[in-house]
PDB file of N, CA and C in Angstrom:
ATOM      1  N   MET A   1     -19.354   0.232 116.546  1.00  0.00           N
ATOM      2  CA  MET A   1     -18.484   0.591 115.465  1.00  0.00           C
ATOM      3  C   MET A   1     -17.285  -0.375 115.366  1.00  0.00           C
ATOM      4  N   SER A   2     -16.917  -0.728 114.171  1.00  0.00           N
ATOM      5  CA  SER A   2     -15.744  -1.705 114.066  1.00  0.00           C
ATOM      6  C   SER A   2     -14.473  -0.882 114.166  1.00  0.00           C
ATOM      7  N   ILE A   3     -13.435  -1.608 114.408  1.00  0.00           N
ATOM      8  CA  ILE A   3     -12.053  -1.034 114.442  1.00  0.00           C
ATOM      9  C   ILE A   3     -11.662  -0.348 113.180  1.00  0.00           C
ATOM     10  N   GLU A   4     -12.041  -0.955 112.069  1.00  0.00           N
ATOM     11  CA  GLU A   4     -11.679  -0.381 110.750  1.00  0.00           C
ATOM     12  C   GLU A   4     -12.322   0.970 110.519  1.00  0.00           C
ATOM     13  N   VAL A   5     -13.598   1.077 110.929  1.00  0.00           N
ATOM     14  CA  VAL A   5     -14.284   2.381 110.754  1.00  0.00           C
ATOM     15  C   VAL A   5     -13.661   3.393 111.663  1.00  0.00           C
ATOM     16  N   ALA A   6     -13.292   3.025 112.903  1.00  0.00           N
ATOM     17  CA  ALA A   6     -12.735   3.965 113.837  1.00  0.00           C
ATOM     18  C   ALA A   6     -11.334   4.459 113.331  1.00  0.00           C
ATOM     19  N   ILE A   7     -10.606   3.525 112.763  1.00  0.00           N
ATOM     20  CA  ILE A   7      -9.330   3.992 112.164  1.00  0.00           C
ATOM     21  C   ILE A   7      -9.496   4.925 111.025  1.00  0.00           C
ATOM     22  N   LEU A   8     -10.468   4.603 110.185  1.00  0.00           N
ATOM     23  CA  LEU A   8     -10.786   5.490 109.010  1.00  0.00           C
ATOM     24  C   LEU A   8     -11.172   6.906 109.424  1.00  0.00           C
ATOM     25  N   ILE A   9     -12.011   6.943 110.527  1.00  0.00           N
ATOM     26  CA  ILE A   9     -12.399   8.227 111.097  1.00  0.00           C
ATOM     27  C   ILE A   9     -11.236   9.035 111.565  1.00  0.00           C
ATOM     28  N   TRP A  10     -10.354   8.383 112.356  1.00  0.00           N
ATOM     29  CA  TRP A  10      -9.203   9.077 112.845  1.00  0.00           C
ATOM     30  C   TRP A  10      -8.223   9.484 111.777  1.00  0.00           C
ATOM     31  N   LEU A  11      -8.170   8.672 110.715  1.00  0.00           N
ATOM     32  CA  LEU A  11      -7.382   9.046 109.537  1.00  0.00           C
ATOM     33  C   LEU A  11      -7.930  10.276 108.873  1.00  0.00           C
ATOM     34  N   ALA A  12      -9.228  10.287 108.696  1.00  0.00           N
ATOM     35  CA  ALA A  12      -9.862  11.484 108.066  1.00  0.00           C
ATOM     36  C   ALA A  12      -9.625  12.742 108.963  1.00  0.00           C
ATOM     37  N   ILE A  13      -9.720  12.580 110.280  1.00  0.00           N
ATOM     38  CA  ILE A  13      -9.453  13.737 111.164  1.00  0.00           C
ATOM     39  C   ILE A  13      -8.012  14.203 111.012  1.00  0.00           C
ATOM     40  N   GLY A  14      -7.045  13.249 110.954  1.00  0.00           N
ATOM     41  CA  GLY A  14      -5.667  13.642 110.823  1.00  0.00           C
ATOM     42  C   GLY A  14      -5.486  14.372 109.482  1.00  0.00           C
ATOM     43  N   ILE A  15      -6.087  13.831 108.438  1.00  0.00           N
ATOM     44  CA  ILE A  15      -5.902  14.449 107.101  1.00  0.00           C
ATOM     45  C   ILE A  15      -6.541  15.911 107.092  1.00  0.00           C
ATOM     46  N   GLY A  16      -7.703  16.070 107.842  1.00  0.00           N
ATOM     47  CA  GLY A  16      -8.243  17.387 107.893  1.00  0.00           C
ATOM     48  C   GLY A  16      -7.359  18.385 108.691  1.00  0.00           C
ATOM     49  N   ILE A  17      -6.764  17.958 109.727  1.00  0.00           N
ATOM     50  CA  ILE A  17      -5.814  18.772 110.467  1.00  0.00           C
ATOM     51  C   ILE A  17      -4.629  19.080 109.660  1.00  0.00           C
ATOM     52  N   THR A  18      -4.082  18.146 108.999  1.00  0.00           N
ATOM     53  CA  THR A  18      -2.822  18.373 108.109  1.00  0.00           C
ATOM     54  C   THR A  18      -3.170  19.338 106.965  1.00  0.00           C
ATOM     55  N   ALA A  19      -4.360  19.166 106.347  1.00  0.00           N
ATOM     56  CA  ALA A  19      -4.780  20.130 105.296  1.00  0.00           C
ATOM     57  C   ALA A  19      -4.957  21.556 105.774  1.00  0.00           C
ATOM     58  N   GLY A  20      -5.485  21.654 107.015  1.00  0.00           N
ATOM     59  CA  GLY A  20      -5.639  23.024 107.548  1.00  0.00           C
ATOM     60  C   GLY A  20      -4.342  23.682 107.913  1.00  0.00           C
ATOM     61  N   VAL A  21      -3.398  22.942 108.364  1.00  0.00           N
ATOM     62  CA  VAL A  21      -2.068  23.510 108.687  1.00  0.00           C
ATOM     63  C   VAL A  21      -1.341  23.938 107.436  1.00  0.00           C
ATOM     64  N   PHE A  22      -1.513  23.032 106.346  1.00  0.00           N
ATOM     65  CA  PHE A  22      -0.905  23.350 105.075  1.00  0.00           C
ATOM     66  C   PHE A  22      -1.542  24.621 104.511  1.00  0.00           C
ATOM     67  N   LEU A  23      -2.834  24.774 104.605  1.00  0.00           N
ATOM     68  CA  LEU A  23      -3.502  26.005 104.073  1.00  0.00           C
ATOM     69  C   LEU A  23      -3.072  27.256 104.789  1.00  0.00           C
ATOM     70  N   ILE A  24      -2.870  27.149 106.065  1.00  0.00           N
ATOM     71  CA  ILE A  24      -2.400  28.357 106.866  1.00  0.00           C
ATOM     72  C   ILE A  24      -0.974  28.680 106.496  1.00  0.00           C
ATOM     73  N   ALA A  25      -0.122  27.647 106.357  1.00  0.00           N
ATOM     74  CA  ALA A  25       1.259  27.916 105.941  1.00  0.00           C
ATOM     75  C   ALA A  25       1.329  28.452 104.517  1.00  0.00           C
ATOM     76  N   ARG A  26       0.628  27.932 103.638  1.00  0.00           N
ATOM     77  CA  ARG A  26       0.578  28.401 102.241  1.00  0.00           C
ATOM     78  C   ARG A  26       0.094  29.830 102.134  1.00  0.00           C
ATOM     79  N   THR A  27      -0.915  30.166 102.978  1.00  0.00           N
ATOM     80  CA  THR A  27      -1.430  31.578 102.941  1.00  0.00           C
ATOM     81  C   THR A  27      -0.357  32.509 103.489  1.00  0.00           C
ATOM     82  N   ALA A  28       0.404  32.057 104.554  1.00  0.00           N
ATOM     83  CA  ALA A  28       1.442  32.975 105.077  1.00  0.00           C
ATOM     84  C   ALA A  28       2.541  33.170 104.026  1.00  0.00           C
ATOM     85  N   VAL A  29       2.857  32.190 103.266  1.00  0.00           N
ATOM     86  CA  VAL A  29       3.880  32.336 102.194  1.00  0.00           C
ATOM     87  C   VAL A  29       3.330  33.263 101.119  1.00  0.00           C
ATOM     88  N   GLN A  30       2.071  33.147 100.754  1.00  0.00           N
ATOM     89  CA  GLN A  30       1.522  34.051  99.782  1.00  0.00           C
ATOM     90  C   GLN A  30       1.504  35.520 100.263  1.00  0.00           C
ATOM     91  N   MET A  31       1.270  35.696 101.541  1.00  0.00           N
ATOM     92  CA  MET A  31       1.245  37.073 102.143  1.00  0.00           C
ATOM     93  C   MET A  31       2.706  37.676 102.002  1.00  0.00           C
ATOM     94  N   ALA A  32       3.691  36.796 102.334  1.00  0.00           N
ATOM     95  CA  ALA A  32       5.058  37.233 102.180  1.00  0.00           C
ATOM     96  C   ALA A  32       5.418  37.631 100.759  1.00  0.00           C
ATOM     97  N   SER A  33       4.922  36.842  99.834  1.00  0.00           N
ATOM     98  CA  SER A  33       5.138  37.153  98.383  1.00  0.00           C
ATOM     99  C   SER A  33       4.519  38.438  97.978  1.00  0.00           C
ATOM    100  N   VAL A  34       3.368  38.748  98.541  1.00  0.00           N
ATOM    101  CA  VAL A  34       2.694  40.066  98.161  1.00  0.00           C
ATOM    102  C   VAL A  34       3.577  41.169  98.747  1.00  0.00           C
ATOM    103  N   ALA A  35       4.072  41.050  99.975  1.00  0.00           N
ATOM    104  CA  ALA A  35       4.900  42.017 100.574  1.00  0.00           C
ATOM    105  C   ALA A  35       6.213  42.271  99.835  1.00  0.00           C
ATOM    106  N   TYR A  36       6.786  41.099  99.377  1.00  0.00           N
ATOM    107  CA  TYR A  36       7.987  41.242  98.586  1.00  0.00           C
ATOM    108  C   TYR A  36       7.719  41.936  97.242  1.00  0.00           C
ATOM    109  N   ARG A  37       6.640  41.675  96.606  1.00  0.00           N
ATOM    110  CA  ARG A  37       6.310  42.321  95.383  1.00  0.00           C
ATOM    111  C   ARG A  37       6.064  43.888  95.562  1.00  0.00           C
ATOM    112  N   VAL A  38       5.583  44.262  96.711  1.00  0.00           N
ATOM    113  CA  VAL A  38       5.412  45.642  96.988  1.00  0.00           C
ATOM    114  C   VAL A  38       6.742  46.358  97.201  1.00  0.00           C
ATOM    115  N   ILE A  39       7.626  45.664  97.989  1.00  0.00           N
ATOM    116  CA  ILE A  39       8.939  46.251  98.207  1.00  0.00           C
ATOM    117  C   ILE A  39       9.753  46.313  96.927  1.00  0.00           C
ATOM    118  N   GLU A  40       9.601  45.419  95.981  1.00  0.00           N
ATOM    119  CA  GLU A  40      10.235  45.430  94.734  1.00  0.00           C
ATOM    120  C   GLU A  40       9.551  46.324  93.688  1.00  0.00           C
ATOM    121  N   LYS A  41       8.504  47.049  94.073  1.00  0.00           N
ATOM    122  CA  LYS A  41       7.691  47.916  93.261  1.00  0.00           C
ATOM    123  C   LYS A  41       7.089  47.211  92.063  1.00  0.00           C
ATOM    124  N   GLU A  42       6.788  45.918  92.204  1.00  0.00           N
ATOM    125  CA  GLU A  42       6.103  45.193  91.140  1.00  0.00           C
ATOM    126  C   GLU A  42       4.561  45.225  91.351  1.00  0.00           C
ATOM    127  N   LEU A  43       4.121  45.740  92.551  1.00  0.00           N
ATOM    128  CA  LEU A  43       2.714  45.719  92.874  1.00  0.00           C
ATOM    129  C   LEU A  43       2.453  47.002  93.608  1.00  0.00           C
ATOM    130  N   ASP A  44       1.285  47.685  93.230  1.00  0.00           N
ATOM    131  CA  ASP A  44       0.974  48.919  93.951  1.00  0.00           C
ATOM    132  C   ASP A  44       0.323  48.601  95.273  1.00  0.00           C
ATOM    133  N   PRO A  45       0.500  49.512  96.245  1.00  0.00           N
ATOM    134  CA  PRO A  45      -0.032  49.203  97.644  1.00  0.00           C
ATOM    135  C   PRO A  45      -1.500  48.983  97.706  1.00  0.00           C
ATOM    136  N   LYS A  46      -2.271  49.603  96.902  1.00  0.00           N
ATOM    137  CA  LYS A  46      -3.731  49.378  96.992  1.00  0.00           C
ATOM    138  C   LYS A  46      -4.112  47.977  96.603  1.00  0.00           C
ATOM    139  N   THR A  47      -3.551  47.445  95.539  1.00  0.00           N
ATOM    140  CA  THR A  47      -3.840  46.091  95.136  1.00  0.00           C
ATOM    141  C   THR A  47      -3.276  45.100  96.204  1.00  0.00           C
ATOM    142  N   ALA A  48      -2.103  45.473  96.732  1.00  0.00           N
ATOM    143  CA  ALA A  48      -1.494  44.610  97.752  1.00  0.00           C
ATOM    144  C   ALA A  48      -2.372  44.573  99.026  1.00  0.00           C
ATOM    145  N   GLY A  49      -3.020  45.630  99.315  1.00  0.00           N
ATOM    146  CA  GLY A  49      -3.907  45.712 100.474  1.00  0.00           C
ATOM    147  C   GLY A  49      -5.148  44.791 100.307  1.00  0.00           C
ATOM    148  N   LYS A  50      -5.655  44.797  99.069  1.00  0.00           N
ATOM    149  CA  LYS A  50      -6.778  43.929  98.771  1.00  0.00           C
ATOM    150  C   LYS A  50      -6.350  42.468  98.873  1.00  0.00           C
ATOM    151  N   GLN A  51      -5.196  42.174  98.235  1.00  0.00           N
ATOM    152  CA  GLN A  51      -4.774  40.723  98.278  1.00  0.00           C
ATOM    153  C   GLN A  51      -4.408  40.276  99.660  1.00  0.00           C
ATOM    154  N   THR A  52      -3.827  41.161 100.452  1.00  0.00           N
ATOM    155  CA  THR A  52      -3.423  40.832 101.797  1.00  0.00           C
ATOM    156  C   THR A  52      -4.752  40.598 102.662  1.00  0.00           C
ATOM    157  N   GLY A  53      -5.718  41.394 102.428  1.00  0.00           N
ATOM    158  CA  GLY A  53      -6.998  41.225 103.185  1.00  0.00           C
ATOM    159  C   GLY A  53      -7.651  39.854 102.818  1.00  0.00           C
ATOM    160  N   LEU A  54      -7.664  39.549 101.554  1.00  0.00           N
ATOM    161  CA  LEU A  54      -8.312  38.248 101.151  1.00  0.00           C
ATOM    162  C   LEU A  54      -7.500  37.048 101.702  1.00  0.00           C
ATOM    163  N   LEU A  55      -6.154  37.174 101.647  1.00  0.00           N
ATOM    164  CA  LEU A  55      -5.366  36.123 102.162  1.00  0.00           C
ATOM    165  C   LEU A  55      -5.480  36.060 103.672  1.00  0.00           C
ATOM    166  N   GLY A  56      -5.699  37.172 104.332  1.00  0.00           N
ATOM    167  CA  GLY A  56      -5.886  37.114 105.819  1.00  0.00           C
ATOM    168  C   GLY A  56      -7.239  36.412 106.161  1.00  0.00           C
ATOM    169  N   LEU A  57      -8.233  36.649 105.350  1.00  0.00           N
ATOM    170  CA  LEU A  57      -9.527  35.993 105.500  1.00  0.00           C
ATOM    171  C   LEU A  57      -9.412  34.504 105.328  1.00  0.00           C
ATOM    172  N   ALA A  58      -8.617  34.110 104.279  1.00  0.00           N
ATOM    173  CA  ALA A  58      -8.365  32.719 104.047  1.00  0.00           C
ATOM    174  C   ALA A  58      -7.626  32.088 105.224  1.00  0.00           C
ATOM    175  N   MET A  59      -6.659  32.768 105.869  1.00  0.00           N
ATOM    176  CA  MET A  59      -5.883  32.255 106.918  1.00  0.00           C
ATOM    177  C   MET A  59      -6.822  32.084 108.150  1.00  0.00           C
ATOM    178  N   VAL A  60      -7.663  33.070 108.408  1.00  0.00           N
ATOM    179  CA  VAL A  60      -8.626  32.873 109.543  1.00  0.00           C
ATOM    180  C   VAL A  60      -9.562  31.740 109.322  1.00  0.00           C
ATOM    181  N   ALA A  61     -10.114  31.641 108.073  1.00  0.00           N
ATOM    182  CA  ALA A  61     -10.988  30.543 107.759  1.00  0.00           C
ATOM    183  C   ALA A  61     -10.287  29.191 107.965  1.00  0.00           C
ATOM    184  N   GLY A  62      -9.059  29.072 107.474  1.00  0.00           N
ATOM    185  CA  GLY A  62      -8.296  27.849 107.672  1.00  0.00           C
ATOM    186  C   GLY A  62      -8.009  27.518 109.104  1.00  0.00           C
ATOM    187  N   LEU A  63      -7.736  28.564 109.888  1.00  0.00           N
ATOM    188  CA  LEU A  63      -7.446  28.367 111.274  1.00  0.00           C
ATOM    189  C   LEU A  63      -8.739  27.930 111.992  1.00  0.00           C
ATOM    190  N   ALA A  64      -9.857  28.564 111.666  1.00  0.00           N
ATOM    191  CA  ALA A  64     -11.116  28.199 112.380  1.00  0.00           C
ATOM    192  C   ALA A  64     -11.497  26.703 111.992  1.00  0.00           C
ATOM    193  N   ALA A  65     -11.293  26.283 110.737  1.00  0.00           N
ATOM    194  CA  ALA A  65     -11.697  24.944 110.340  1.00  0.00           C
ATOM    195  C   ALA A  65     -10.758  23.933 111.037  1.00  0.00           C
ATOM    196  N   THR A  66      -9.513  24.258 111.086  1.00  0.00           N
ATOM    197  CA  THR A  66      -8.509  23.402 111.742  1.00  0.00           C
ATOM    198  C   THR A  66      -8.847  23.291 113.181  1.00  0.00           C
ATOM    199  N   ALA A  67      -9.207  24.393 113.861  1.00  0.00           N
ATOM    200  CA  ALA A  67      -9.481  24.391 115.272  1.00  0.00           C
ATOM    201  C   ALA A  67     -10.749  23.510 115.541  1.00  0.00           C
ATOM    202  N   LEU A  68     -11.760  23.594 114.625  1.00  0.00           N
ATOM    203  CA  LEU A  68     -12.955  22.800 114.807  1.00  0.00           C
ATOM    204  C   LEU A  68     -12.658  21.314 114.670  1.00  0.00           C
ATOM    205  N   VAL A  69     -11.864  20.977 113.645  1.00  0.00           N
ATOM    206  CA  VAL A  69     -11.543  19.553 113.525  1.00  0.00           C
ATOM    207  C   VAL A  69     -10.719  18.999 114.669  1.00  0.00           C
ATOM    208  N   ALA A  70      -9.717  19.785 115.057  1.00  0.00           N
ATOM    209  CA  ALA A  70      -8.905  19.334 116.174  1.00  0.00           C
ATOM    210  C   ALA A  70      -9.672  19.346 117.504  1.00  0.00           C
ATOM    211  N   GLY A  71     -10.521  20.330 117.684  1.00  0.00           N
ATOM    212  CA  GLY A  71     -11.323  20.381 118.942  1.00  0.00           C
ATOM    213  C   GLY A  71     -12.301  19.139 118.997  1.00  0.00           C
ATOM    214  N   TYR A  72     -12.845  18.777 117.822  1.00  0.00           N
ATOM    215  CA  TYR A  72     -13.732  17.626 117.820  1.00  0.00           C
ATOM    216  C   TYR A  72     -12.923  16.310 118.188  1.00  0.00           C
ATOM    217  N   ALA A  73     -11.696  16.229 117.567  1.00  0.00           N
ATOM    218  CA  ALA A  73     -10.860  15.102 117.861  1.00  0.00           C
ATOM    219  C   ALA A  73     -10.516  15.008 119.391  1.00  0.00           C
ATOM    220  N   ILE A  74     -10.141  16.106 119.947  1.00  0.00           N
ATOM    221  CA  ILE A  74      -9.772  16.170 121.373  1.00  0.00           C
ATOM    222  C   ILE A  74     -10.979  15.842 122.262  1.00  0.00           C
ATOM    223  N   PHE A  75     -12.163  16.327 121.885  1.00  0.00           N
ATOM    224  CA  PHE A  75     -13.393  16.027 122.655  1.00  0.00           C
ATOM    225  C   PHE A  75     -13.689  14.604 122.595  1.00  0.00           C
ATOM    226  N   VAL A  76     -13.660  13.964 121.485  1.00  0.00           N
ATOM    227  CA  VAL A  76     -13.938  12.523 121.345  1.00  0.00           C
ATOM    228  C   VAL A  76     -12.966  11.698 122.017  1.00  0.00           C
ATOM    229  N   LEU A  77     -11.686  12.086 121.958  1.00  0.00           N
ATOM    230  CA  LEU A  77     -10.661  11.291 122.647  1.00  0.00           C
ATOM    231  C   LEU A  77     -10.808  11.319 124.175  1.00  0.00           C
ATOM    232  N   PHE A  78     -10.984  12.555 124.750  1.00  0.00           N
ATOM    233  CA  PHE A  78     -11.190  12.633 126.150  1.00  0.00           C
ATOM    234  C   PHE A  78     -12.463  12.046 126.679  1.00  0.00           C
ATOM    235  N   ALA A  79     -13.554  12.216 125.831  1.00  0.00           N
ATOM    236  CA  ALA A  79     -14.831  11.554 126.239  1.00  0.00           C
ATOM    237  C   ALA A  79     -14.722  10.098 126.252  1.00  0.00           C
ATOM    238  N   SER A  80     -13.977   9.511 125.288  1.00  0.00           N
ATOM    239  CA  SER A  80     -13.846   7.990 125.378  1.00  0.00           C
ATOM    240  C   SER A  80     -12.976   7.543 126.502  1.00  0.00           C
ATOM    241  N   LEU A  81     -11.923   8.339 126.810  1.00  0.00           N
ATOM    242  CA  LEU A  81     -11.107   7.999 127.871  1.00  0.00           C
ATOM    243  C   LEU A  81     -11.829   8.125 129.220  1.00  0.00           C
ATOM    244  N   LEU A  82     -12.564   9.150 129.426  1.00  0.00           N
ATOM    245  CA  LEU A  82     -13.375   9.342 130.632  1.00  0.00           C
ATOM    246  C   LEU A  82     -14.497   8.303 130.794  1.00  0.00           C
ATOM    247  N   ASP A  83     -15.086   8.028 129.704  1.00  0.00           N
ATOM    248  CA  ASP A  83     -16.092   6.967 129.727  1.00  0.00           C
ATOM    249  C   ASP A  83     -15.597   5.610 130.060  1.00  0.00           C
ATOM    250  N   ASN A  84     -14.441   5.242 129.532  1.00  0.00           N
ATOM    251  CA  ASN A  84     -13.879   3.947 129.801  1.00  0.00           C
ATOM    252  C   ASN A  84     -13.291   3.859 131.256  1.00  0.00           C
ATOM    253  N   SER A  85     -12.861   5.018 131.813  1.00  0.00           N
ATOM    254  CA  SER A  85     -12.352   4.972 133.174  1.00  0.00           C
ATOM    255  C   SER A  85     -13.430   4.920 134.253  1.00  0.00           C
ATOM    256  N   GLY A  86     -14.622   5.210 133.844  1.00  0.00           N
ATOM    257  CA  GLY A  86     -15.725   5.177 134.835  1.00  0.00           C
ATOM    258  C   GLY A  86     -15.960   6.511 135.523  1.00  0.00           C
ATOM    259  N   VAL A  87     -15.237   7.552 135.189  1.00  0.00           N
ATOM    260  CA  VAL A  87     -15.346   8.880 135.832  1.00  0.00           C
ATOM    261  C   VAL A  87     -16.712   9.488 135.556  1.00  0.00           C
ATOM    262  N   LEU A  88     -17.229   9.308 134.376  1.00  0.00           N
ATOM    263  CA  LEU A  88     -18.516   9.865 133.981  1.00  0.00           C
ATOM    264  C   LEU A  88     -19.688   8.959 134.343  1.00  0.00           C
ATOM    265  N   GLY A  89     -19.466   7.837 135.119  1.00  0.00           N
ATOM    266  CA  GLY A  89     -20.529   6.910 135.481  1.00  0.00           C
ATOM    267  C   GLY A  89     -20.822   5.947 134.433  1.00  0.00           C
ATOM    268  N   GLY A  90     -19.925   5.829 133.419  1.00  0.00           N
ATOM    269  CA  GLY A  90     -20.137   4.844 132.373  1.00  0.00           C
ATOM    270  C   GLY A  90     -19.607   3.439 132.755  1.00  0.00           C
ATOM    271  N   GLY A  91     -19.537   2.607 131.840  1.00  0.00           N
ATOM    272  CA  GLY A  91     -19.105   1.253 132.105  1.00  0.00           C
ATOM    273  C   GLY A  91     -17.577   1.152 132.101  1.00  0.00           C
ATOM    274  N   GLY A  92     -16.949   1.368 133.203  1.00  0.00           N
ATOM    275  CA  GLY A  92     -15.564   1.224 133.290  1.00  0.00           C
ATOM    276  C   GLY A  92     -15.179  -0.266 133.398  1.00  0.00           C
ATOM    277  N   GLN A  93     -13.898  -0.533 133.279  1.00  0.00           N
ATOM    278  CA  GLN A  93     -13.510  -1.963 133.291  1.00  0.00           C
ATOM    279  C   GLN A  93     -12.960  -2.286 134.579  1.00  0.00           C
TER     280      GLN A  93
END
């Protein structure tokens, strides 16, 4: 694999992690907005419960996706470090 392709892969991984963190933060802000609208009597509690449940599912999905992308990045990073060091019996320098 060339250096350019490796850089593009790490860039894509970084973008995926950033997007996941943004999604989680945006969902938390939306949940706070729902709570505020309930406090201000602009939204009934039943509708707020449904919206909060859906937003909670979105937050869990975003967290899971971000964890998968970050976990893959950590796995690849440590695997390449261990392989280059010769600890795994690979071709160390």
